[in-house]
């Protein structure tokens, strides 16, 4: 029932897809975001979908 959350996830996944080959710095930033979310594995699974 979290449509906004899903939409945000989709947006983020699209952004990650757009930067499929980002520099190490940006990769570190994404890793930090995943850690902040507190579900890096789940997040990755959602983005992979």
PDB file of N, CA and C in Angstrom:
ATOM      1  N   UNK A   1       0.836  -1.199   0.000  1.00  0.00           N
ATOM      2  CA  UNK A   1       0.000   0.000   0.000  1.00  0.00           C
ATOM      3  C   UNK A   1       0.871   1.249   0.000  1.00  0.00           C
ATOM      4  N   UNK A   2       2.166   1.070  -0.342  1.00  0.00           N
ATOM      5  CA  UNK A   2       3.080   2.219  -0.376  1.00  0.00           C
ATOM      6  C   UNK A   2       3.388   2.554  -1.832  1.00  0.00           C
ATOM      7  N   UNK A   3       2.396   3.126  -2.490  1.00  0.00           N
ATOM      8  CA  UNK A   3       2.588   3.463  -3.900  1.00  0.00           C
ATOM      9  C   UNK A   3       3.723   4.468  -4.052  1.00  0.00           C
ATOM     10  N   UNK A   4       3.762   5.457  -3.158  1.00  0.00           N
ATOM     11  CA  UNK A   4       4.822   6.470  -3.248  1.00  0.00           C
ATOM     12  C   UNK A   4       6.179   5.796  -3.102  1.00  0.00           C
ATOM     13  N   UNK A   5       6.277   4.877  -2.154  1.00  0.00           N
ATOM     14  CA  UNK A   5       7.547   4.181  -1.933  1.00  0.00           C
ATOM     15  C   UNK A   5       7.934   3.425  -3.210  1.00  0.00           C
ATOM     16  N   UNK A   6       6.972   2.722  -3.776  1.00  0.00           N
ATOM     17  CA  UNK A   6       7.255   1.954  -4.990  1.00  0.00           C
ATOM     18  C   UNK A   6       7.694   2.896  -6.110  1.00  0.00           C
ATOM     19  N   UNK A   7       6.969   4.012  -6.249  1.00  0.00           N
ATOM     20  CA  UNK A   7       7.318   4.964  -7.307  1.00  0.00           C
ATOM     21  C   UNK A   7       8.743   5.468  -7.095  1.00  0.00           C
ATOM     22  N   UNK A   8       9.063   5.793  -5.841  1.00  0.00           N
ATOM     23  CA  UNK A   8      10.411   6.289  -5.549  1.00  0.00           C
ATOM     24  C   UNK A   8      11.427   5.203  -5.892  1.00  0.00           C
ATOM     25  N   UNK A   9      11.136   3.971  -5.536  1.00  0.00           N
ATOM     26  CA  UNK A   9      12.056   2.864  -5.814  1.00  0.00           C
ATOM     27  C   UNK A   9      12.265   2.764  -7.328  1.00  0.00           C
ATOM     28  N   UNK A  10      11.171   2.862  -8.082  1.00  0.00           N
ATOM     29  CA  UNK A  10      11.274   2.766  -9.533  1.00  0.00           C
ATOM     30  C   UNK A  10      12.162   3.888 -10.067  1.00  0.00           C
ATOM     31  N   UNK A  11      11.912   5.103  -9.552  1.00  0.00           N
ATOM     32  CA  UNK A  11      12.706   6.242 -10.000  1.00  0.00           C
ATOM     33  C   UNK A  11      14.186   5.997  -9.707  1.00  0.00           C
ATOM     34  N   UNK A  12      14.451   5.540  -8.492  1.00  0.00           N
ATOM     35  CA  UNK A  12      15.838   5.298  -8.089  1.00  0.00           C
ATOM     36  C   UNK A  12      16.447   4.204  -8.962  1.00  0.00           C
ATOM     37  N   UNK A  13      15.677   3.150  -9.206  1.00  0.00           N
ATOM     38  CA  UNK A  13      16.202   2.046 -10.017  1.00  0.00           C
ATOM     39  C   UNK A  13      16.516   2.553 -11.423  1.00  0.00           C
ATOM     40  N   UNK A  14      15.634   3.410 -11.944  1.00  0.00           N
ATOM     41  CA  UNK A  14      15.881   3.960 -13.276  1.00  0.00           C
ATOM     42  C   UNK A  14      17.156   4.791 -13.270  1.00  0.00           C
ATOM     43  N   UNK A  15      17.325   5.567 -12.197  1.00  0.00           N
ATOM     44  CA  UNK A  15      18.529   6.408 -12.105  1.00  0.00           C
ATOM     45  C   UNK A  15      19.775   5.531 -12.027  1.00  0.00           C
ATOM     46  N   UNK A  16      19.681   4.460 -11.249  1.00  0.00           N
ATOM     47  CA  UNK A  16      20.825   3.551 -11.127  1.00  0.00           C
ATOM     48  C   UNK A  16      21.098   2.907 -12.482  1.00  0.00           C
ATOM     49  N   UNK A  17      20.030   2.536 -13.199  1.00  0.00           N
ATOM     50  CA  UNK A  17      20.196   1.917 -14.512  1.00  0.00           C
ATOM     51  C   UNK A  17      20.866   2.908 -15.467  1.00  0.00           C
ATOM     52  N   UNK A  18      20.441   4.172 -15.371  1.00  0.00           N
ATOM     53  CA  UNK A  18      21.001   5.196 -16.249  1.00  0.00           C
ATOM     54  C   UNK A  18      22.503   5.308 -16.010  1.00  0.00           C
ATOM     55  N   UNK A  19      22.899   5.155 -14.733  1.00  0.00           N
ATOM     56  CA  UNK A  19      24.336   5.233 -14.403  1.00  0.00           C
ATOM     57  C   UNK A  19      24.841   3.823 -14.097  1.00  0.00           C
ATOM     58  N   UNK A  20      24.700   2.946 -15.070  1.00  0.00           N
ATOM     59  CA  UNK A  20      25.105   1.556 -14.863  1.00  0.00           C
ATOM     60  C   UNK A  20      26.606   1.474 -14.602  1.00  0.00           C
ATOM     61  N   UNK A  21      27.375   2.381 -15.207  1.00  0.00           N
ATOM     62  CA  UNK A  21      28.829   2.332 -15.035  1.00  0.00           C
ATOM     63  C   UNK A  21      29.324   3.636 -14.417  1.00  0.00           C
ATOM     64  N   UNK A  22      28.910   3.903 -13.171  1.00  0.00           N
ATOM     65  CA  UNK A  22      29.347   5.139 -12.520  1.00  0.00           C
ATOM     66  C   UNK A  22      30.741   4.992 -11.924  1.00  0.00           C
ATOM     67  N   UNK A  23      31.381   6.117 -11.630  1.00  0.00           N
ATOM     68  CA  UNK A  23      32.718   6.054 -11.021  1.00  0.00           C
ATOM     69  C   UNK A  23      32.653   5.460  -9.627  1.00  0.00           C
ATOM     70  N   UNK A  24      33.823   5.177  -9.078  1.00  0.00           N
ATOM     71  CA  UNK A  24      33.869   4.562  -7.743  1.00  0.00           C
ATOM     72  C   UNK A  24      33.188   5.478  -6.733  1.00  0.00           C
ATOM     73  N   UNK A  25      33.421   6.768  -6.858  1.00  0.00           N
ATOM     74  CA  UNK A  25      32.839   7.706  -5.890  1.00  0.00           C
ATOM     75  C   UNK A  25      31.319   7.561  -5.868  1.00  0.00           C
ATOM     76  N   UNK A  26      30.703   7.607  -7.048  1.00  0.00           N
ATOM     77  CA  UNK A  26      29.245   7.503  -7.092  1.00  0.00           C
ATOM     78  C   UNK A  26      28.801   6.130  -6.588  1.00  0.00           C
ATOM     79  N   UNK A  27      29.586   5.111  -6.903  1.00  0.00           N
ATOM     80  CA  UNK A  27      29.238   3.767  -6.438  1.00  0.00           C
ATOM     81  C   UNK A  27      29.226   3.770  -4.908  1.00  0.00           C
ATOM     82  N   UNK A  28      30.197   4.457  -4.317  1.00  0.00           N
ATOM     83  CA  UNK A  28      30.262   4.531  -2.855  1.00  0.00           C
ATOM     84  C   UNK A  28      29.024   5.252  -2.338  1.00  0.00           C
ATOM     85  N   UNK A  29      28.614   6.297  -3.025  1.00  0.00           N
ATOM     86  CA  UNK A  29      27.424   7.056  -2.604  1.00  0.00           C
ATOM     87  C   UNK A  29      26.210   6.137  -2.631  1.00  0.00           C
ATOM     88  N   UNK A  30      26.059   5.378  -3.709  1.00  0.00           N
ATOM     89  CA  UNK A  30      24.915   4.467  -3.814  1.00  0.00           C
ATOM     90  C   UNK A  30      24.958   3.455  -2.679  1.00  0.00           C
ATOM     91  N   UNK A  31      26.156   2.940  -2.394  1.00  0.00           N
ATOM     92  CA  UNK A  31      26.305   1.977  -1.300  1.00  0.00           C
ATOM     93  C   UNK A  31      25.848   2.625   0.000  1.00  0.00           C
ATOM     94  N   UNK A  32      26.232   3.878   0.206  1.00  0.00           N
ATOM     95  CA  UNK A  32      25.827   4.585   1.424  1.00  0.00           C
ATOM     96  C   UNK A  32      24.319   4.725   1.475  1.00  0.00           C
ATOM     97  N   UNK A  33      23.704   5.063   0.357  1.00  0.00           N
ATOM     98  CA  UNK A  33      22.243   5.209   0.323  1.00  0.00           C
ATOM     99  C   UNK A  33      21.605   3.875   0.693  1.00  0.00           C
ATOM    100  N   UNK A  34      22.096   2.794   0.091  1.00  0.00           N
ATOM    101  CA  UNK A  34      21.538   1.471   0.392  1.00  0.00           C
ATOM    102  C   UNK A  34      21.659   1.185   1.879  1.00  0.00           C
ATOM    103  N   UNK A  35      22.814   1.529   2.456  1.00  0.00           N
ATOM    104  CA  UNK A  35      23.014   1.264   3.881  1.00  0.00           C
ATOM    105  C   UNK A  35      22.041   2.102   4.696  1.00  0.00           C
ATOM    106  N   UNK A  36      21.842   3.340   4.284  1.00  0.00           N
ATOM    107  CA  UNK A  36      20.911   4.219   5.008  1.00  0.00           C
ATOM    108  C   UNK A  36      19.506   3.621   4.945  1.00  0.00           C
ATOM    109  N   UNK A  37      19.126   3.146   3.779  1.00  0.00           N
ATOM    110  CA  UNK A  37      17.790   2.547   3.647  1.00  0.00           C
ATOM    111  C   UNK A  37      17.657   1.385   4.622  1.00  0.00           C
ATOM    112  N   UNK A  38      18.750   0.657   4.823  1.00  0.00           N
ATOM    113  CA  UNK A  38      18.716  -0.445   5.783  1.00  0.00           C
ATOM    114  C   UNK A  38      18.187  -1.721   5.147  1.00  0.00           C
ATOM    115  N   UNK A  39      18.336  -1.851   3.840  1.00  0.00           N
ATOM    116  CA  UNK A  39      17.897  -3.085   3.171  1.00  0.00           C
ATOM    117  C   UNK A  39      18.567  -3.138   1.806  1.00  0.00           C
ATOM    118  N   UNK A  40      19.897  -3.158   1.830  1.00  0.00           N
ATOM    119  CA  UNK A  40      20.646  -3.154   0.580  1.00  0.00           C
ATOM    120  C   UNK A  40      20.257  -4.352  -0.286  1.00  0.00           C
ATOM    121  N   UNK A  41      20.161  -5.514   0.334  1.00  0.00           N
ATOM    122  CA  UNK A  41      19.826  -6.724  -0.442  1.00  0.00           C
ATOM    123  C   UNK A  41      18.422  -6.596  -1.024  1.00  0.00           C
ATOM    124  N   UNK A  42      17.459  -6.217  -0.193  1.00  0.00           N
ATOM    125  CA  UNK A  42      16.080  -6.066  -0.676  1.00  0.00           C
ATOM    126  C   UNK A  42      16.044  -4.990  -1.753  1.00  0.00           C
ATOM    127  N   UNK A  43      16.755  -3.886  -1.508  1.00  0.00           N
ATOM    128  CA  UNK A  43      16.772  -2.783  -2.473  1.00  0.00           C
ATOM    129  C   UNK A  43      17.331  -3.264  -3.813  1.00  0.00           C
ATOM    130  N   UNK A  44      18.399  -4.017  -3.739  1.00  0.00           N
ATOM    131  CA  UNK A  44      19.017  -4.520  -4.983  1.00  0.00           C
ATOM    132  C   UNK A  44      18.026  -5.442  -5.693  1.00  0.00           C
ATOM    133  N   UNK A  45      17.326  -6.262  -4.911  1.00  0.00           N
ATOM    134  CA  UNK A  45      16.361  -7.183  -5.519  1.00  0.00           C
ATOM    135  C   UNK A  45      15.281  -6.373  -6.237  1.00  0.00           C
ATOM    136  N   UNK A  46      14.800  -5.317  -5.595  1.00  0.00           N
ATOM    137  CA  UNK A  46      13.753  -4.488  -6.199  1.00  0.00           C
ATOM    138  C   UNK A  46      14.279  -3.825  -7.468  1.00  0.00           C
ATOM    139  N   UNK A  47      15.498  -3.308  -7.409  1.00  0.00           N
ATOM    140  CA  UNK A  47      16.048  -2.628  -8.578  1.00  0.00           C
ATOM    141  C   UNK A  47      16.285  -3.635  -9.701  1.00  0.00           C
ATOM    142  N   UNK A  48      16.678  -4.852  -9.341  1.00  0.00           N
ATOM    143  CA  UNK A  48      16.919  -5.868 -10.372  1.00  0.00           C
ATOM    144  C   UNK A  48      15.597  -6.209 -11.065  1.00  0.00           C
ATOM    145  N   UNK A  49      14.500  -6.104 -10.334  1.00  0.00           N
ATOM    146  CA  UNK A  49      13.185  -6.386 -10.915  1.00  0.00           C
ATOM    147  C   UNK A  49      12.913  -5.286 -11.928  1.00  0.00           C
TER     148      UNK A  49
END
